Amino acid sequence: MEQEQPRESSFLALLSRLKYIERWALMRSSRPENLGEHSLEVAMIAHALCVIGNQRYGRHLDAERAALVGMYHDASEIITGDMPTPVKYANGTLREAYRAVEDSAQERLLQTLPNDLRPVYEGIFKSDGSEGDALLRRLVKAADKLSALIKCLDERSAGNTEFVTAERTTRAALDQMATELPEVRDFMNEFLPSYGHTLDQLLYASRPVPRGVPPGATPLRDGGASSGAKDPYGRSAQRRGEERVPRTSPS
């Protein structure tokens, strides 16, 4: 009996083009960000949020699955492109129409897979309808927002005021999420401030952060929280002044 020839699949080749899709295309950036690097960052943050939930809040989340969902969360944009958020959420009609376009693009991507592999990827792209998976995908959505906030903070730190409004709206959305998801609150208190550090500070100046500090407050060495002037990453002038660390020598 003649053996059936394998069908060529373009699935992974299409995914490799994530690196060619620029995010924030309508905004002036000091450094362009592509969809590939954004997807990786979302995957890492989503994994961290689930680990926090499992270790601290008695969750039973599949952190590895969250990383995969985060990695593929924007895969449909290979076909649709990255639609600016103000357009996507302009009104309910546009949002519903775009969701239908996303679903169609997602289906088109899945159709490029070999039949025996499709169910595995379909389980990543689509929710299984369970309560646990719904929570996991909420954390992936929060990771997406956190990645966007990090980009806004990076741009403002570089002196670019183009992202000020985006930063304000993204932070407000995350503050709301943090009231329902303690994982988001913990990330904003313990991990977000470090994104504004220099390499030397990242290597040598890691310090414990007191638990229970509300999002947006600045943890200090004495365990209190400052509401004084802060940089974009939430560090107070006092804390920045304390961060005098030895410099590394170039190798």
C-alpha atoms as a PDB file:
ATOM      1  CA  MET A   1       0.000   0.000   0.000  1.00  0.00           C
ATOM      2  CA  GLU A   2       1.350   3.407  -0.967  1.00  0.00           C
ATOM      3  CA  GLN A   3       2.253   5.521   2.069  1.00  0.00           C
ATOM      4  CA  GLU A   4       0.455   8.846   2.336  1.00  0.00           C
ATOM      5  CA  GLN A   5       2.756  11.819   1.911  1.00  0.00           C
ATOM      6  CA  PRO A   6       2.822  14.199   4.893  1.00  0.00           C
ATOM      7  CA  ARG A   7       1.033  17.496   4.343  1.00  0.00           C
ATOM      8  CA  GLU A   8       3.161  20.598   4.642  1.00  0.00           C
ATOM      9  CA  SER A   9       2.157  22.804   7.581  1.00  0.00           C
ATOM     10  CA  SER A  10       2.741  26.555   7.661  1.00  0.00           C
ATOM     11  CA  PHE A  11       1.672  26.955  11.312  1.00  0.00           C
ATOM     12  CA  LEU A  12       5.076  27.525  12.915  1.00  0.00           C
ATOM     13  CA  ALA A  13       6.388  29.500   9.947  1.00  0.00           C
ATOM     14  CA  LEU A  14       3.454  31.861  10.351  1.00  0.00           C
ATOM     15  CA  LEU A  15       4.114  32.181  14.086  1.00  0.00           C
ATOM     16  CA  SER A  16       7.739  33.061  13.377  1.00  0.00           C
ATOM     17  CA  ARG A  17       6.448  36.230  11.716  1.00  0.00           C
ATOM     18  CA  LEU A  18       5.260  37.639  15.033  1.00  0.00           C
ATOM     19  CA  LYS A  19       8.602  39.429  15.147  1.00  0.00           C
ATOM     20  CA  TYR A  20       7.639  41.475  12.090  1.00  0.00           C
ATOM     21  CA  ILE A  21       4.439  42.897  13.605  1.00  0.00           C
ATOM     22  CA  GLU A  22       5.061  46.181  15.390  1.00  0.00           C
ATOM     23  CA  ARG A  23       3.029  47.101  18.456  1.00  0.00           C
ATOM     24  CA  TRP A  24       1.955  50.657  19.257  1.00  0.00           C
ATOM     25  CA  ALA A  25       2.222  51.415  15.537  1.00  0.00           C
ATOM     26  CA  LEU A  26       0.383  54.753  15.768  1.00  0.00           C
ATOM     27  CA  MET A  27       2.587  56.038  18.590  1.00  0.00           C
ATOM     28  CA  ARG A  28       6.097  57.458  18.535  1.00  0.00           C
ATOM     29  CA  SER A  29       8.359  55.047  20.415  1.00  0.00           C
ATOM     30  CA  SER A  30      11.930  55.496  21.588  1.00  0.00           C
ATOM     31  CA  ARG A  31      12.378  51.784  20.851  1.00  0.00           C
ATOM     32  CA  PRO A  32       9.915  49.820  18.696  1.00  0.00           C
ATOM     33  CA  GLU A  33       8.366  46.723  20.248  1.00  0.00           C
ATOM     34  CA  ASN A  34       7.327  43.721  18.184  1.00  0.00           C
ATOM     35  CA  LEU A  35       4.675  41.120  18.874  1.00  0.00           C
ATOM     36  CA  GLY A  36       7.204  38.317  19.321  1.00  0.00           C
ATOM     37  CA  GLU A  37       9.000  39.931  22.251  1.00  0.00           C
ATOM     38  CA  HIS A  38       5.709  41.076  23.764  1.00  0.00           C
ATOM     39  CA  SER A  39       4.333  37.522  23.631  1.00  0.00           C
ATOM     40  CA  LEU A  40       7.405  36.165  25.408  1.00  0.00           C
ATOM     41  CA  GLU A  41       7.110  38.786  28.148  1.00  0.00           C
ATOM     42  CA  VAL A  42       3.403  38.044  28.620  1.00  0.00           C
ATOM     43  CA  ALA A  43       4.194  34.318  28.885  1.00  0.00           C
ATOM     44  CA  MET A  44       6.790  34.928  31.613  1.00  0.00           C
ATOM     45  CA  ILE A  45       4.556  37.298  33.587  1.00  0.00           C
ATOM     46  CA  ALA A  46       1.525  34.995  33.298  1.00  0.00           C
ATOM     47  CA  HIS A  47       3.618  32.101  34.590  1.00  0.00           C
ATOM     48  CA  ALA A  48       4.809  34.238  37.525  1.00  0.00           C
ATOM     49  CA  LEU A  49       1.262  35.319  38.400  1.00  0.00           C
ATOM     50  CA  CYS A  50       0.124  31.695  38.548  1.00  0.00           C
ATOM     51  CA  VAL A  51       3.122  30.707  40.675  1.00  0.00           C
ATOM     52  CA  ILE A  52       2.273  33.541  43.080  1.00  0.00           C
ATOM     53  CA  GLY A  53      -1.339  32.383  43.204  1.00  0.00           C
ATOM     54  CA  ASN A  54      -0.390  28.771  43.878  1.00  0.00           C
ATOM     55  CA  GLN A  55       2.289  29.485  46.480  1.00  0.00           C
ATOM     56  CA  ARG A  56       0.552  32.262  48.394  1.00  0.00           C
ATOM     57  CA  TYR A  57      -3.182  32.018  47.845  1.00  0.00           C
ATOM     58  CA  GLY A  58      -3.934  28.318  47.629  1.00  0.00           C
ATOM     59  CA  ARG A  59      -4.690  28.299  43.919  1.00  0.00           C
ATOM     60  CA  HIS A  60      -4.341  25.179  41.808  1.00  0.00           C
ATOM     61  CA  LEU A  61      -3.365  26.804  38.514  1.00  0.00           C
ATOM     62  CA  ASP A  62      -1.323  25.218  35.742  1.00  0.00           C
ATOM     63  CA  ALA A  63       1.466  27.798  35.475  1.00  0.00           C
ATOM     64  CA  GLU A  64       3.013  26.081  32.459  1.00  0.00           C
ATOM     65  CA  ARG A  65      -0.311  26.208  30.628  1.00  0.00           C
ATOM     66  CA  ALA A  66      -0.599  29.905  31.489  1.00  0.00           C
ATOM     67  CA  ALA A  67       2.803  30.478  29.902  1.00  0.00           C
ATOM     68  CA  LEU A  68       1.627  28.733  26.723  1.00  0.00           C
ATOM     69  CA  VAL A  69      -1.630  30.686  26.611  1.00  0.00           C
ATOM     70  CA  GLY A  70       0.378  33.879  27.064  1.00  0.00           C
ATOM     71  CA  MET A  71       2.818  32.875  24.344  1.00  0.00           C
ATOM     72  CA  TYR A  72       0.015  32.366  21.821  1.00  0.00           C
ATOM     73  CA  HIS A  73      -2.432  35.024  23.043  1.00  0.00           C
ATOM     74  CA  ASP A  74      -1.844  37.363  20.098  1.00  0.00           C
ATOM     75  CA  ALA A  75      -1.179  34.701  17.453  1.00  0.00           C
ATOM     76  CA  SER A  76      -4.272  35.682  15.453  1.00  0.00           C
ATOM     77  CA  GLU A  77      -2.698  39.097  14.831  1.00  0.00           C
ATOM     78  CA  ILE A  78      -0.386  37.444  12.318  1.00  0.00           C
ATOM     79  CA  ILE A  79      -3.457  37.587  10.090  1.00  0.00           C
ATOM     80  CA  THR A  80      -5.351  40.589  11.479  1.00  0.00           C
ATOM     81  CA  GLY A  81      -2.422  42.823  12.396  1.00  0.00           C
ATOM     82  CA  ASP A  82      -2.216  44.741  15.681  1.00  0.00           C
ATOM     83  CA  MET A  83      -5.314  46.916  15.905  1.00  0.00           C
ATOM     84  CA  PRO A  84      -4.821  50.031  18.080  1.00  0.00           C
ATOM     85  CA  THR A  85      -6.580  49.656  21.437  1.00  0.00           C
ATOM     86  CA  PRO A  86      -8.580  52.937  21.156  1.00  0.00           C
ATOM     87  CA  VAL A  87     -10.075  51.644  17.906  1.00  0.00           C
ATOM     88  CA  LYS A  88     -10.673  48.115  19.193  1.00  0.00           C
ATOM     89  CA  TYR A  89     -12.577  49.349  22.254  1.00  0.00           C
ATOM     90  CA  ALA A  90     -14.213  52.430  20.711  1.00  0.00           C
ATOM     91  CA  ASN A  91     -17.672  50.930  21.187  1.00  0.00           C
ATOM     92  CA  GLY A  92     -19.383  47.611  21.773  1.00  0.00           C
ATOM     93  CA  THR A  93     -20.187  47.074  18.103  1.00  0.00           C
ATOM     94  CA  LEU A  94     -16.563  47.449  17.041  1.00  0.00           C
ATOM     95  CA  ARG A  95     -15.374  45.215  19.863  1.00  0.00           C
ATOM     96  CA  GLU A  96     -17.802  42.446  18.923  1.00  0.00           C
ATOM     97  CA  ALA A  97     -16.871  42.767  15.253  1.00  0.00           C
ATOM     98  CA  TYR A  98     -13.171  42.561  16.066  1.00  0.00           C
ATOM     99  CA  ARG A  99     -13.738  39.534  18.307  1.00  0.00           C
ATOM    100  CA  ALA A 100     -15.404  37.785  15.363  1.00  0.00           C
ATOM    101  CA  VAL A 101     -12.432  38.675  13.157  1.00  0.00           C
ATOM    102  CA  GLU A 102     -10.051  37.305  15.814  1.00  0.00           C
ATOM    103  CA  ASP A 103     -11.998  34.054  16.034  1.00  0.00           C
ATOM    104  CA  SER A 104     -11.930  33.677  12.261  1.00  0.00           C
ATOM    105  CA  ALA A 105      -8.175  34.359  12.128  1.00  0.00           C
ATOM    106  CA  GLN A 106      -7.578  31.882  14.945  1.00  0.00           C
ATOM    107  CA  GLU A 107      -9.530  29.208  13.081  1.00  0.00           C
ATOM    108  CA  ARG A 108      -7.556  29.901   9.931  1.00  0.00           C
ATOM    109  CA  LEU A 109      -4.313  29.397  11.853  1.00  0.00           C
ATOM    110  CA  LEU A 110      -5.528  26.128  13.367  1.00  0.00           C
ATOM    111  CA  GLN A 111      -6.437  24.860   9.903  1.00  0.00           C
ATOM    112  CA  THR A 112      -2.763  25.010   8.914  1.00  0.00           C
ATOM    113  CA  LEU A 113      -1.918  22.293  11.477  1.00  0.00           C
ATOM    114  CA  PRO A 114      -1.775  18.549  10.792  1.00  0.00           C
ATOM    115  CA  ASN A 115      -5.075  17.002  11.891  1.00  0.00           C
ATOM    116  CA  ASP A 116      -3.519  14.946  14.690  1.00  0.00           C
ATOM    117  CA  LEU A 117      -1.845  17.995  16.261  1.00  0.00           C
ATOM    118  CA  ARG A 118      -4.744  20.409  16.036  1.00  0.00           C
ATOM    119  CA  PRO A 119      -6.537  19.356  19.267  1.00  0.00           C
ATOM    120  CA  VAL A 120      -3.443  20.180  21.343  1.00  0.00           C
ATOM    121  CA  TYR A 121      -3.174  23.734  20.001  1.00  0.00           C
ATOM    122  CA  GLU A 122      -6.919  24.235  20.026  1.00  0.00           C
ATOM    123  CA  GLY A 123      -6.791  23.587  23.772  1.00  0.00           C
ATOM    124  CA  ILE A 124      -4.286  26.440  24.108  1.00  0.00           C
ATOM    125  CA  PHE A 125      -6.146  28.899  21.891  1.00  0.00           C
ATOM    126  CA  LYS A 126      -9.609  28.222  23.307  1.00  0.00           C
ATOM    127  CA  SER A 127     -10.900  28.006  26.878  1.00  0.00           C
ATOM    128  CA  ASP A 128     -12.193  24.657  28.087  1.00  0.00           C
ATOM    129  CA  GLY A 129     -15.026  26.461  29.876  1.00  0.00           C
ATOM    130  CA  SER A 130     -13.939  25.482  33.377  1.00  0.00           C
ATOM    131  CA  GLU A 131     -13.765  27.907  36.289  1.00  0.00           C
ATOM    132  CA  GLY A 132     -10.045  27.237  36.713  1.00  0.00           C
ATOM    133  CA  ASP A 133      -9.288  27.975  33.070  1.00  0.00           C
ATOM    134  CA  ALA A 134     -11.338  31.160  33.243  1.00  0.00           C
ATOM    135  CA  LEU A 135      -9.203  32.353  36.193  1.00  0.00           C
ATOM    136  CA  LEU A 136      -6.011  31.370  34.393  1.00  0.00           C
ATOM    137  CA  ARG A 137      -7.020  33.408  31.342  1.00  0.00           C
ATOM    138  CA  ARG A 138      -7.866  36.393  33.548  1.00  0.00           C
ATOM    139  CA  LEU A 139      -4.294  36.254  34.826  1.00  0.00           C
ATOM    140  CA  VAL A 140      -2.985  36.037  31.252  1.00  0.00           C
ATOM    141  CA  LYS A 141      -5.040  39.140  30.459  1.00  0.00           C
ATOM    142  CA  ALA A 142      -3.503  40.846  33.492  1.00  0.00           C
ATOM    143  CA  ALA A 143      -0.052  39.803  32.255  1.00  0.00           C
ATOM    144  CA  ASP A 144      -0.856  41.421  28.903  1.00  0.00           C
ATOM    145  CA  LYS A 145      -1.767  44.650  30.702  1.00  0.00           C
ATOM    146  CA  LEU A 146       1.362  44.495  32.862  1.00  0.00           C
ATOM    147  CA  SER A 147       3.532  44.109  29.771  1.00  0.00           C
ATOM    148  CA  ALA A 148       1.823  47.157  28.264  1.00  0.00           C
ATOM    149  CA  LEU A 149       2.403  49.155  31.461  1.00  0.00           C
ATOM    150  CA  ILE A 150       6.083  48.189  31.466  1.00  0.00           C
ATOM    151  CA  LYS A 151       6.372  49.495  27.902  1.00  0.00           C
ATOM    152  CA  CYS A 152       4.689  52.775  28.897  1.00  0.00           C
ATOM    153  CA  LEU A 153       7.036  53.178  31.872  1.00  0.00           C
ATOM    154  CA  ASP A 154      10.087  52.464  29.715  1.00  0.00           C
ATOM    155  CA  GLU A 155       9.012  55.129  27.240  1.00  0.00           C
ATOM    156  CA  ARG A 156       8.342  57.747  29.908  1.00  0.00           C
ATOM    157  CA  SER A 157      11.647  56.922  31.579  1.00  0.00           C
ATOM    158  CA  ALA A 158      13.307  57.661  28.226  1.00  0.00           C
ATOM    159  CA  GLY A 159      11.651  61.094  28.188  1.00  0.00           C
ATOM    160  CA  ASN A 160       8.886  60.189  25.741  1.00  0.00           C
ATOM    161  CA  THR A 161       5.553  61.717  26.801  1.00  0.00           C
ATOM    162  CA  GLU A 162       3.645  59.985  23.993  1.00  0.00           C
ATOM    163  CA  PHE A 163       2.682  57.121  26.323  1.00  0.00           C
ATOM    164  CA  VAL A 164       1.480  59.171  29.316  1.00  0.00           C
ATOM    165  CA  THR A 165      -2.229  58.667  28.621  1.00  0.00           C
ATOM    166  CA  ALA A 166      -1.753  54.978  27.820  1.00  0.00           C
ATOM    167  CA  GLU A 167       0.143  54.579  31.091  1.00  0.00           C
ATOM    168  CA  ARG A 168      -2.625  56.232  33.085  1.00  0.00           C
ATOM    169  CA  THR A 169      -5.428  54.122  31.605  1.00  0.00           C
ATOM    170  CA  THR A 170      -3.418  50.891  31.791  1.00  0.00           C
ATOM    171  CA  ARG A 171      -2.452  51.477  35.415  1.00  0.00           C
ATOM    172  CA  ALA A 172      -6.076  52.254  36.305  1.00  0.00           C
ATOM    173  CA  ALA A 173      -7.177  48.972  34.711  1.00  0.00           C
ATOM    174  CA  LEU A 174      -4.505  47.072  36.640  1.00  0.00           C
ATOM    175  CA  ASP A 175      -5.406  48.760  39.924  1.00  0.00           C
ATOM    176  CA  GLN A 176      -8.957  47.517  39.399  1.00  0.00           C
ATOM    177  CA  MET A 177      -7.716  44.001  38.580  1.00  0.00           C
ATOM    178  CA  ALA A 178      -5.565  44.051  41.725  1.00  0.00           C
ATOM    179  CA  THR A 179      -8.656  44.471  43.906  1.00  0.00           C
ATOM    180  CA  GLU A 180      -9.865  41.056  42.717  1.00  0.00           C
ATOM    181  CA  LEU A 181      -6.588  39.304  41.903  1.00  0.00           C
ATOM    182  CA  PRO A 182      -3.992  39.492  44.711  1.00  0.00           C
ATOM    183  CA  GLU A 183      -1.417  38.055  42.299  1.00  0.00           C
ATOM    184  CA  VAL A 184      -1.563  41.296  40.313  1.00  0.00           C
ATOM    185  CA  ARG A 185      -1.185  43.385  43.479  1.00  0.00           C
ATOM    186  CA  ASP A 186       1.871  41.386  44.534  1.00  0.00           C
ATOM    187  CA  PHE A 187       3.474  41.685  41.104  1.00  0.00           C
ATOM    188  CA  MET A 188       2.993  45.451  41.083  1.00  0.00           C
ATOM    189  CA  ASN A 189       4.475  45.764  44.580  1.00  0.00           C
ATOM    190  CA  GLU A 190       7.374  43.344  44.282  1.00  0.00           C
ATOM    191  CA  PHE A 191       8.377  43.045  40.634  1.00  0.00           C
ATOM    192  CA  LEU A 192       7.270  46.179  38.791  1.00  0.00           C
ATOM    193  CA  PRO A 193       9.602  48.672  40.556  1.00  0.00           C
ATOM    194  CA  SER A 194      12.705  46.744  39.442  1.00  0.00           C
ATOM    195  CA  TYR A 195      11.957  47.399  35.770  1.00  0.00           C
ATOM    196  CA  GLY A 196      13.213  50.940  36.363  1.00  0.00           C
ATOM    197  CA  HIS A 197      16.570  49.906  37.826  1.00  0.00           C
ATOM    198  CA  THR A 198      19.950  50.015  36.126  1.00  0.00           C
ATOM    199  CA  LEU A 199      21.768  46.744  35.472  1.00  0.00           C
ATOM    200  CA  ASP A 200      24.000  47.289  38.515  1.00  0.00           C
ATOM    201  CA  GLN A 201      20.970  47.839  40.742  1.00  0.00           C
ATOM    202  CA  LEU A 202      19.302  44.703  39.391  1.00  0.00           C
ATOM    203  CA  LEU A 203      22.406  42.638  40.160  1.00  0.00           C
ATOM    204  CA  TYR A 204      23.286  44.044  43.579  1.00  0.00           C
ATOM    205  CA  ALA A 205      20.387  45.917  45.157  1.00  0.00           C
ATOM    206  CA  SER A 206      17.629  43.326  45.576  1.00  0.00           C
ATOM    207  CA  ARG A 207      15.749  43.987  48.812  1.00  0.00           C
ATOM    208  CA  PRO A 208      12.698  42.395  50.460  1.00  0.00           C
ATOM    209  CA  VAL A 209       9.423  44.242  50.020  1.00  0.00           C
ATOM    210  CA  PRO A 210       6.897  44.213  52.875  1.00  0.00           C
ATOM    211  CA  ARG A 211       3.737  42.224  52.186  1.00  0.00           C
ATOM    212  CA  GLY A 212       0.374  43.953  52.081  1.00  0.00           C
ATOM    213  CA  VAL A 213       1.546  47.279  50.642  1.00  0.00           C
ATOM    214  CA  PRO A 214      -1.276  48.597  48.405  1.00  0.00           C
ATOM    215  CA  PRO A 215      -0.588  48.960  44.644  1.00  0.00           C
ATOM    216  CA  GLY A 216       1.059  52.272  43.818  1.00  0.00           C
ATOM    217  CA  ALA A 217       2.560  52.788  47.276  1.00  0.00           C
ATOM    218  CA  THR A 218       6.333  52.769  47.553  1.00  0.00           C
ATOM    219  CA  PRO A 219       7.751  50.201  49.998  1.00  0.00           C
ATOM    220  CA  LEU A 220      10.631  51.605  52.057  1.00  0.00           C
ATOM    221  CA  ARG A 221      13.378  49.910  54.030  1.00  0.00           C
ATOM    222  CA  ASP A 222      11.613  50.463  57.335  1.00  0.00           C
ATOM    223  CA  GLY A 223       8.531  48.593  56.090  1.00  0.00           C
ATOM    224  CA  GLY A 224       6.395  51.712  55.620  1.00  0.00           C
ATOM    225  CA  ALA A 225       4.903  53.102  52.443  1.00  0.00           C
ATOM    226  CA  SER A 226       5.571  56.507  50.979  1.00  0.00           C
ATOM    227  CA  SER A 227       3.061  58.621  49.092  1.00  0.00           C
ATOM    228  CA  GLY A 228       5.719  61.191  48.174  1.00  0.00           C
ATOM    229  CA  ALA A 229       7.116  62.016  44.754  1.00  0.00           C
ATOM    230  CA  LYS A 230       7.949  58.907  42.777  1.00  0.00           C
ATOM    231  CA  ASP A 231       9.536  58.065  39.467  1.00  0.00           C
ATOM    232  CA  PRO A 232       7.464  56.249  36.783  1.00  0.00           C
ATOM    233  CA  TYR A 233       8.175  52.876  38.404  1.00  0.00           C
ATOM    234  CA  GLY A 234       6.842  53.834  41.835  1.00  0.00           C
ATOM    235  CA  ARG A 235      10.176  54.462  43.558  1.00  0.00           C
ATOM    236  CA  SER A 236      10.343  57.443  45.921  1.00  0.00           C
ATOM    237  CA  ALA A 237      13.169  59.963  45.911  1.00  0.00           C
ATOM    238  CA  GLN A 238      14.297  58.531  49.260  1.00  0.00           C
ATOM    239  CA  ARG A 239      14.478  55.016  47.872  1.00  0.00           C
ATOM    240  CA  ARG A 240      16.323  56.130  44.744  1.00  0.00           C
ATOM    241  CA  GLY A 241      18.813  57.968  46.942  1.00  0.00           C
ATOM    242  CA  GLU A 242      19.452  54.791  48.908  1.00  0.00           C
ATOM    243  CA  GLU A 243      20.305  52.794  45.812  1.00  0.00           C
ATOM    244  CA  ARG A 244      24.011  53.519  45.614  1.00  0.00           C
ATOM    245  CA  VAL A 245      25.598  50.284  44.510  1.00  0.00           C
ATOM    246  CA  PRO A 246      29.033  49.258  43.208  1.00  0.00           C
ATOM    247  CA  ARG A 247      29.400  49.399  39.444  1.00  0.00           C
ATOM    248  CA  THR A 248      30.379  46.374  37.451  1.00  0.00           C
ATOM    249  CA  SER A 249      33.458  46.457  35.276  1.00  0.00           C
ATOM    250  CA  PRO A 250      33.066  45.594  31.588  1.00  0.00           C
ATOM    251  CA  SER A 251      34.425  42.146  30.828  1.00  0.00           C
END
